[in-house]
Amino acid sequence: FSLLILSKAVVSTQSTGIGIICEAFLVYQCIGMVTESGRLTLALPNKLNVAFDFSSFLKIYLALIVFGGMALIKHMGSQRTKAMKKLAKLKQMEDVYHKQKDLMKIRKKKESKKAL
């Protein structure tokens, strides 16, 4: 059971990392195309009197993907470590319980042999 949980944690962490890398790559590829075409860019003068450069937004977003992705992976790793420690502690408690149960059985057998 714990092997299944461990494999799930490893696969989800790897797939998250791959997803972050793919998204960052796609945004990086789009920056050049948006800069050339000027698409989704608002220039002055206009009715709203607001300028918006979408390629600058994509550059900021790319930085956020990189640093936010690193923070996300770090957080997921700490959560996995925390969960695995809990699981190991429960496993230890279970092992202690089974050992005590086995010792009780052995004591009962010895007591029954002495009684005969």
N, C-alpha and C. Protein backbone atom coordinates (compact mmCIF):
# COMPACT_ATOMS: atom_id res chain seq x y z
N PHE A 1 0.82 -1.20 0.00
CA PHE A 1 0.00 0.00 0.00
C PHE A 1 0.86 1.26 0.00
N SER A 2 1.90 1.28 0.84
CA SER A 2 2.75 2.47 0.91
C SER A 2 3.52 2.67 -0.40
N LEU A 3 3.84 1.58 -1.09
CA LEU A 3 4.53 1.68 -2.38
C LEU A 3 3.63 2.38 -3.40
N LEU A 4 2.36 2.08 -3.34
CA LEU A 4 1.40 2.72 -4.24
C LEU A 4 1.32 4.22 -3.98
N ILE A 5 1.28 4.60 -2.71
CA ILE A 5 1.22 6.01 -2.35
C ILE A 5 2.50 6.71 -2.77
N LEU A 6 3.65 6.07 -2.56
CA LEU A 6 4.92 6.66 -2.93
C LEU A 6 5.01 6.86 -4.44
N SER A 7 4.59 5.86 -5.22
CA SER A 7 4.65 5.98 -6.67
C SER A 7 3.71 7.08 -7.17
N LYS A 8 2.55 7.20 -6.53
CA LYS A 8 1.61 8.27 -6.91
C LYS A 8 2.23 9.64 -6.65
N ALA A 9 2.90 9.79 -5.53
CA ALA A 9 3.52 11.07 -5.18
C ALA A 9 4.65 11.41 -6.15
N VAL A 10 5.45 10.42 -6.52
CA VAL A 10 6.56 10.67 -7.43
C VAL A 10 6.04 11.04 -8.82
N VAL A 11 5.05 10.31 -9.30
CA VAL A 11 4.50 10.58 -10.63
C VAL A 11 3.83 11.94 -10.68
N SER A 12 3.08 12.30 -9.64
CA SER A 12 2.41 13.60 -9.67
C SER A 12 3.40 14.74 -9.62
N THR A 13 4.49 14.58 -8.86
CA THR A 13 5.51 15.62 -8.81
C THR A 13 6.19 15.77 -10.16
N GLN A 14 6.51 14.65 -10.79
CA GLN A 14 7.17 14.71 -12.11
C GLN A 14 6.24 15.31 -13.16
N SER A 15 4.98 14.92 -13.15
CA SER A 15 4.07 15.45 -14.16
C SER A 15 3.81 16.95 -13.94
N THR A 16 3.82 17.39 -12.69
CA THR A 16 3.67 18.81 -12.42
C THR A 16 4.87 19.56 -12.96
N GLY A 17 6.06 19.04 -12.75
CA GLY A 17 7.27 19.68 -13.26
C GLY A 17 7.28 19.75 -14.77
N ILE A 18 6.88 18.67 -15.41
CA ILE A 18 6.83 18.65 -16.87
C ILE A 18 5.79 19.65 -17.39
N GLY A 19 4.65 19.75 -16.71
CA GLY A 19 3.62 20.70 -17.10
C GLY A 19 4.10 22.14 -16.98
N ILE A 20 4.83 22.44 -15.92
CA ILE A 20 5.37 23.79 -15.73
C ILE A 20 6.38 24.12 -16.83
N ILE A 21 7.26 23.16 -17.12
CA ILE A 21 8.26 23.38 -18.17
C ILE A 21 7.60 23.60 -19.53
N CYS A 22 6.59 22.80 -19.84
CA CYS A 22 5.88 22.95 -21.12
C CYS A 22 5.18 24.30 -21.22
N GLU A 23 4.52 24.71 -20.15
CA GLU A 23 3.83 26.00 -20.18
C GLU A 23 4.83 27.14 -20.35
N ALA A 24 5.95 27.07 -19.63
CA ALA A 24 6.96 28.12 -19.75
C ALA A 24 7.53 28.16 -21.18
N PHE A 25 7.74 27.00 -21.78
CA PHE A 25 8.25 26.93 -23.14
C PHE A 25 7.26 27.56 -24.12
N LEU A 26 5.99 27.24 -23.97
CA LEU A 26 4.97 27.80 -24.86
C LEU A 26 4.85 29.32 -24.72
N VAL A 27 4.91 29.80 -23.50
CA VAL A 27 4.84 31.25 -23.28
C VAL A 27 6.07 31.91 -23.90
N TYR A 28 7.24 31.31 -23.75
CA TYR A 28 8.46 31.85 -24.33
C TYR A 28 8.35 31.91 -25.85
N GLN A 29 7.79 30.88 -26.47
CA GLN A 29 7.60 30.87 -27.92
C GLN A 29 6.61 31.95 -28.36
N CYS A 30 5.60 32.20 -27.55
CA CYS A 30 4.57 33.18 -27.91
C CYS A 30 5.06 34.62 -27.81
N ILE A 31 6.05 34.86 -26.96
CA ILE A 31 6.52 36.24 -26.77
C ILE A 31 6.99 36.85 -28.09
N GLY A 32 7.78 36.09 -28.84
CA GLY A 32 8.26 36.59 -30.14
C GLY A 32 7.15 36.85 -31.12
N MET A 33 6.21 35.95 -31.20
CA MET A 33 5.10 36.11 -32.15
C MET A 33 4.22 37.30 -31.78
N VAL A 34 3.96 37.49 -30.50
CA VAL A 34 3.12 38.60 -30.07
C VAL A 34 3.83 39.93 -30.30
N THR A 35 5.15 39.95 -30.06
CA THR A 35 5.91 41.18 -30.27
C THR A 35 5.89 41.58 -31.74
N GLU A 36 6.05 40.61 -32.65
CA GLU A 36 6.04 40.91 -34.09
C GLU A 36 4.67 41.36 -34.57
N SER A 37 3.64 40.67 -34.14
CA SER A 37 2.31 40.96 -34.67
C SER A 37 1.62 42.12 -33.96
N GLY A 38 1.99 42.37 -32.71
CA GLY A 38 1.31 43.42 -31.95
C GLY A 38 -0.09 43.02 -31.54
N ARG A 39 -0.40 41.76 -31.62
CA ARG A 39 -1.72 41.25 -31.29
C ARG A 39 -1.98 41.36 -29.79
N LEU A 40 -3.19 41.68 -29.42
CA LEU A 40 -3.65 41.84 -28.05
C LEU A 40 -2.92 42.97 -27.32
N THR A 41 -2.34 43.90 -28.06
CA THR A 41 -1.64 45.05 -27.49
C THR A 41 -2.47 46.29 -27.73
N LEU A 42 -2.65 47.08 -26.71
CA LEU A 42 -3.42 48.31 -26.80
C LEU A 42 -2.45 49.48 -26.80
N ALA A 43 -2.51 50.33 -27.80
CA ALA A 43 -1.61 51.48 -27.89
C ALA A 43 -2.39 52.77 -27.65
N LEU A 44 -1.68 53.78 -27.20
CA LEU A 44 -2.29 55.09 -27.02
C LEU A 44 -2.31 55.82 -28.36
N PRO A 45 -3.12 56.71 -28.65
CA PRO A 45 -4.33 57.13 -27.95
C PRO A 45 -5.50 56.19 -28.28
N ASN A 46 -6.34 56.00 -27.30
CA ASN A 46 -7.58 55.24 -27.48
C ASN A 46 -8.65 55.81 -26.56
N LYS A 47 -9.86 55.26 -26.63
CA LYS A 47 -10.97 55.80 -25.84
C LYS A 47 -10.73 55.67 -24.33
N LEU A 48 -10.09 54.57 -23.93
CA LEU A 48 -9.86 54.34 -22.50
C LEU A 48 -8.63 55.07 -21.97
N ASN A 49 -7.77 55.55 -22.89
CA ASN A 49 -6.53 56.24 -22.53
C ASN A 49 -5.63 55.33 -21.69
N VAL A 50 -5.55 54.07 -22.11
CA VAL A 50 -4.76 53.06 -21.42
C VAL A 50 -3.88 52.35 -22.44
N ALA A 51 -2.63 52.11 -22.07
CA ALA A 51 -1.73 51.34 -22.93
C ALA A 51 -1.45 50.00 -22.27
N PHE A 52 -1.43 48.96 -23.08
CA PHE A 52 -1.16 47.61 -22.56
C PHE A 52 -0.33 46.87 -23.59
N ASP A 53 0.86 46.44 -23.18
CA ASP A 53 1.74 45.68 -24.05
C ASP A 53 1.68 44.22 -23.63
N PHE A 54 1.07 43.40 -24.46
CA PHE A 54 0.86 41.99 -24.10
C PHE A 54 2.17 41.22 -24.03
N SER A 55 3.16 41.58 -24.83
CA SER A 55 4.45 40.88 -24.77
C SER A 55 5.13 41.13 -23.43
N SER A 56 5.00 42.32 -22.87
CA SER A 56 5.55 42.60 -21.53
C SER A 56 4.82 41.78 -20.47
N PHE A 57 3.50 41.68 -20.63
CA PHE A 57 2.72 40.84 -19.72
C PHE A 57 3.20 39.40 -19.77
N LEU A 58 3.46 38.88 -20.99
CA LEU A 58 3.92 37.50 -21.12
C LEU A 58 5.30 37.31 -20.48
N LYS A 59 6.16 38.31 -20.56
CA LYS A 59 7.48 38.22 -19.92
C LYS A 59 7.35 38.14 -18.40
N ILE A 60 6.47 38.95 -17.86
CA ILE A 60 6.22 38.91 -16.41
C ILE A 60 5.61 37.58 -16.02
N TYR A 61 4.66 37.12 -16.83
CA TYR A 61 4.01 35.82 -16.58
C TYR A 61 5.02 34.68 -16.64
N LEU A 62 5.97 34.75 -17.56
CA LEU A 62 7.00 33.73 -17.68
C LEU A 62 7.85 33.68 -16.41
N ALA A 63 8.21 34.83 -15.89
CA ALA A 63 8.98 34.87 -14.63
C ALA A 63 8.17 34.28 -13.48
N LEU A 64 6.88 34.60 -13.45
CA LEU A 64 6.02 34.05 -12.40
C LEU A 64 5.86 32.55 -12.52
N ILE A 65 5.81 32.04 -13.75
CA ILE A 65 5.71 30.59 -13.95
C ILE A 65 6.96 29.91 -13.39
N VAL A 66 8.12 30.46 -13.70
CA VAL A 66 9.38 29.84 -13.26
C VAL A 66 9.48 29.86 -11.73
N PHE A 67 9.34 31.04 -11.12
CA PHE A 67 9.50 31.12 -9.67
C PHE A 67 8.32 30.49 -8.92
N GLY A 68 7.12 30.68 -9.43
CA GLY A 68 5.96 30.05 -8.81
C GLY A 68 6.00 28.54 -8.93
N GLY A 69 6.50 28.04 -10.07
CA GLY A 69 6.63 26.60 -10.25
C GLY A 69 7.63 26.00 -9.29
N MET A 70 8.73 26.71 -9.08
CA MET A 70 9.73 26.22 -8.13
C MET A 70 9.15 26.18 -6.72
N ALA A 71 8.41 27.22 -6.35
CA ALA A 71 7.77 27.25 -5.03
C ALA A 71 6.74 26.13 -4.90
N LEU A 72 5.99 25.88 -5.97
CA LEU A 72 4.99 24.81 -5.95
C LEU A 72 5.63 23.45 -5.77
N ILE A 73 6.70 23.18 -6.51
CA ILE A 73 7.39 21.89 -6.40
C ILE A 73 7.97 21.72 -5.00
N LYS A 74 8.56 22.79 -4.46
CA LYS A 74 9.12 22.73 -3.12
C LYS A 74 8.02 22.43 -2.09
N HIS A 75 6.88 23.10 -2.22
CA HIS A 75 5.77 22.88 -1.29
C HIS A 75 5.24 21.45 -1.40
N MET A 76 5.10 20.97 -2.63
CA MET A 76 4.62 19.59 -2.82
C MET A 76 5.60 18.59 -2.21
N GLY A 77 6.89 18.86 -2.34
CA GLY A 77 7.89 17.97 -1.74
C GLY A 77 7.80 17.96 -0.23
N SER A 78 7.61 19.11 0.38
CA SER A 78 7.50 19.16 1.84
C SER A 78 6.22 18.47 2.31
N GLN A 79 5.13 18.63 1.56
CA GLN A 79 3.89 17.95 1.92
C GLN A 79 4.03 16.43 1.79
N ARG A 80 4.74 15.99 0.73
CA ARG A 80 4.96 14.55 0.56
C ARG A 80 5.81 14.00 1.70
N THR A 81 6.86 14.75 2.09
CA THR A 81 7.70 14.31 3.20
C THR A 81 6.89 14.21 4.48
N LYS A 82 6.06 15.19 4.72
CA LYS A 82 5.21 15.20 5.91
C LYS A 82 4.27 13.99 5.91
N ALA A 83 3.67 13.70 4.77
CA ALA A 83 2.75 12.56 4.67
C ALA A 83 3.48 11.25 4.83
N MET A 84 4.68 11.14 4.26
CA MET A 84 5.44 9.90 4.37
C MET A 84 5.91 9.66 5.80
N LYS A 85 6.24 10.74 6.51
CA LYS A 85 6.63 10.59 7.92
C LYS A 85 5.45 10.07 8.73
N LYS A 86 4.26 10.62 8.45
CA LYS A 86 3.06 10.14 9.14
C LYS A 86 2.80 8.67 8.83
N LEU A 87 2.96 8.32 7.56
CA LEU A 87 2.74 6.94 7.15
C LEU A 87 3.75 6.01 7.80
N ALA A 88 5.01 6.44 7.87
CA ALA A 88 6.04 5.62 8.51
C ALA A 88 5.76 5.46 9.99
N LYS A 89 5.29 6.53 10.63
CA LYS A 89 4.97 6.45 12.04
C LYS A 89 3.81 5.47 12.28
N LEU A 90 2.78 5.55 11.42
CA LEU A 90 1.66 4.61 11.54
C LEU A 90 2.11 3.18 11.31
N LYS A 91 3.01 3.00 10.35
CA LYS A 91 3.53 1.66 10.06
C LYS A 91 4.31 1.14 11.26
N GLN A 92 5.11 2.02 11.88
CA GLN A 92 5.86 1.63 13.07
C GLN A 92 4.91 1.22 14.18
N MET A 93 3.86 2.01 14.39
CA MET A 93 2.89 1.69 15.44
C MET A 93 2.20 0.37 15.16
N GLU A 94 1.91 0.12 13.90
CA GLU A 94 1.28 -1.14 13.52
C GLU A 94 2.23 -2.31 13.77
N ASP A 95 3.50 -2.14 13.44
CA ASP A 95 4.48 -3.18 13.69
C ASP A 95 4.62 -3.47 15.18
N VAL A 96 4.64 -2.41 15.99
CA VAL A 96 4.75 -2.58 17.44
C VAL A 96 3.52 -3.33 17.95
N TYR A 97 2.35 -2.98 17.46
CA TYR A 97 1.12 -3.65 17.87
C TYR A 97 1.18 -5.14 17.54
N HIS A 98 1.62 -5.48 16.33
CA HIS A 98 1.69 -6.89 15.93
C HIS A 98 2.74 -7.63 16.75
N LYS A 99 3.86 -6.98 17.08
CA LYS A 99 4.88 -7.62 17.91
C LYS A 99 4.33 -7.89 19.31
N GLN A 100 3.62 -6.92 19.86
CA GLN A 100 3.03 -7.12 21.19
C GLN A 100 2.00 -8.24 21.16
N LYS A 101 1.23 -8.28 20.09
CA LYS A 101 0.22 -9.33 19.95
C LYS A 101 0.89 -10.71 19.87
N ASP A 102 2.00 -10.79 19.11
CA ASP A 102 2.74 -12.05 19.00
C ASP A 102 3.35 -12.44 20.34
N LEU A 103 3.88 -11.47 21.08
CA LEU A 103 4.44 -11.76 22.40
C LEU A 103 3.38 -12.27 23.36
N MET A 104 2.18 -11.70 23.28
CA MET A 104 1.08 -12.15 24.13
C MET A 104 0.71 -13.60 23.80
N LYS A 105 0.72 -13.95 22.53
CA LYS A 105 0.41 -15.32 22.12
C LYS A 105 1.47 -16.28 22.66
N ILE A 106 2.73 -15.88 22.57
CA ILE A 106 3.83 -16.73 23.06
C ILE A 106 3.71 -16.91 24.57
N ARG A 107 3.40 -15.84 25.30
CA ARG A 107 3.23 -15.93 26.76
C ARG A 107 2.08 -16.87 27.12
N LYS A 108 0.98 -16.76 26.38
CA LYS A 108 -0.16 -17.63 26.66
C LYS A 108 0.19 -19.09 26.42
N LYS A 109 0.97 -19.38 25.37
CA LYS A 109 1.39 -20.75 25.09
C LYS A 109 2.29 -21.27 26.20
N LYS A 110 3.22 -20.44 26.67
CA LYS A 110 4.11 -20.84 27.77
C LYS A 110 3.34 -21.10 29.03
N GLU A 111 2.37 -20.22 29.32
CA GLU A 111 1.55 -20.39 30.52
C GLU A 111 0.70 -21.64 30.44
N SER A 112 0.19 -21.93 29.24
CA SER A 112 -0.63 -23.15 29.09
C SER A 112 0.23 -24.40 29.21
N LYS A 113 1.48 -24.36 28.75
CA LYS A 113 2.39 -25.50 28.90
C LYS A 113 2.77 -25.71 30.36
N LYS A 114 2.96 -24.60 31.10
CA LYS A 114 3.30 -24.71 32.51
C LYS A 114 2.12 -25.26 33.31
N ALA A 115 0.92 -24.91 32.91
CA ALA A 115 -0.28 -25.36 33.62
C ALA A 115 -0.47 -26.86 33.44
N LEU A 116 -0.02 -27.43 32.33
CA LEU A 116 -0.17 -28.86 32.09
C LEU A 116 0.84 -29.59 32.88
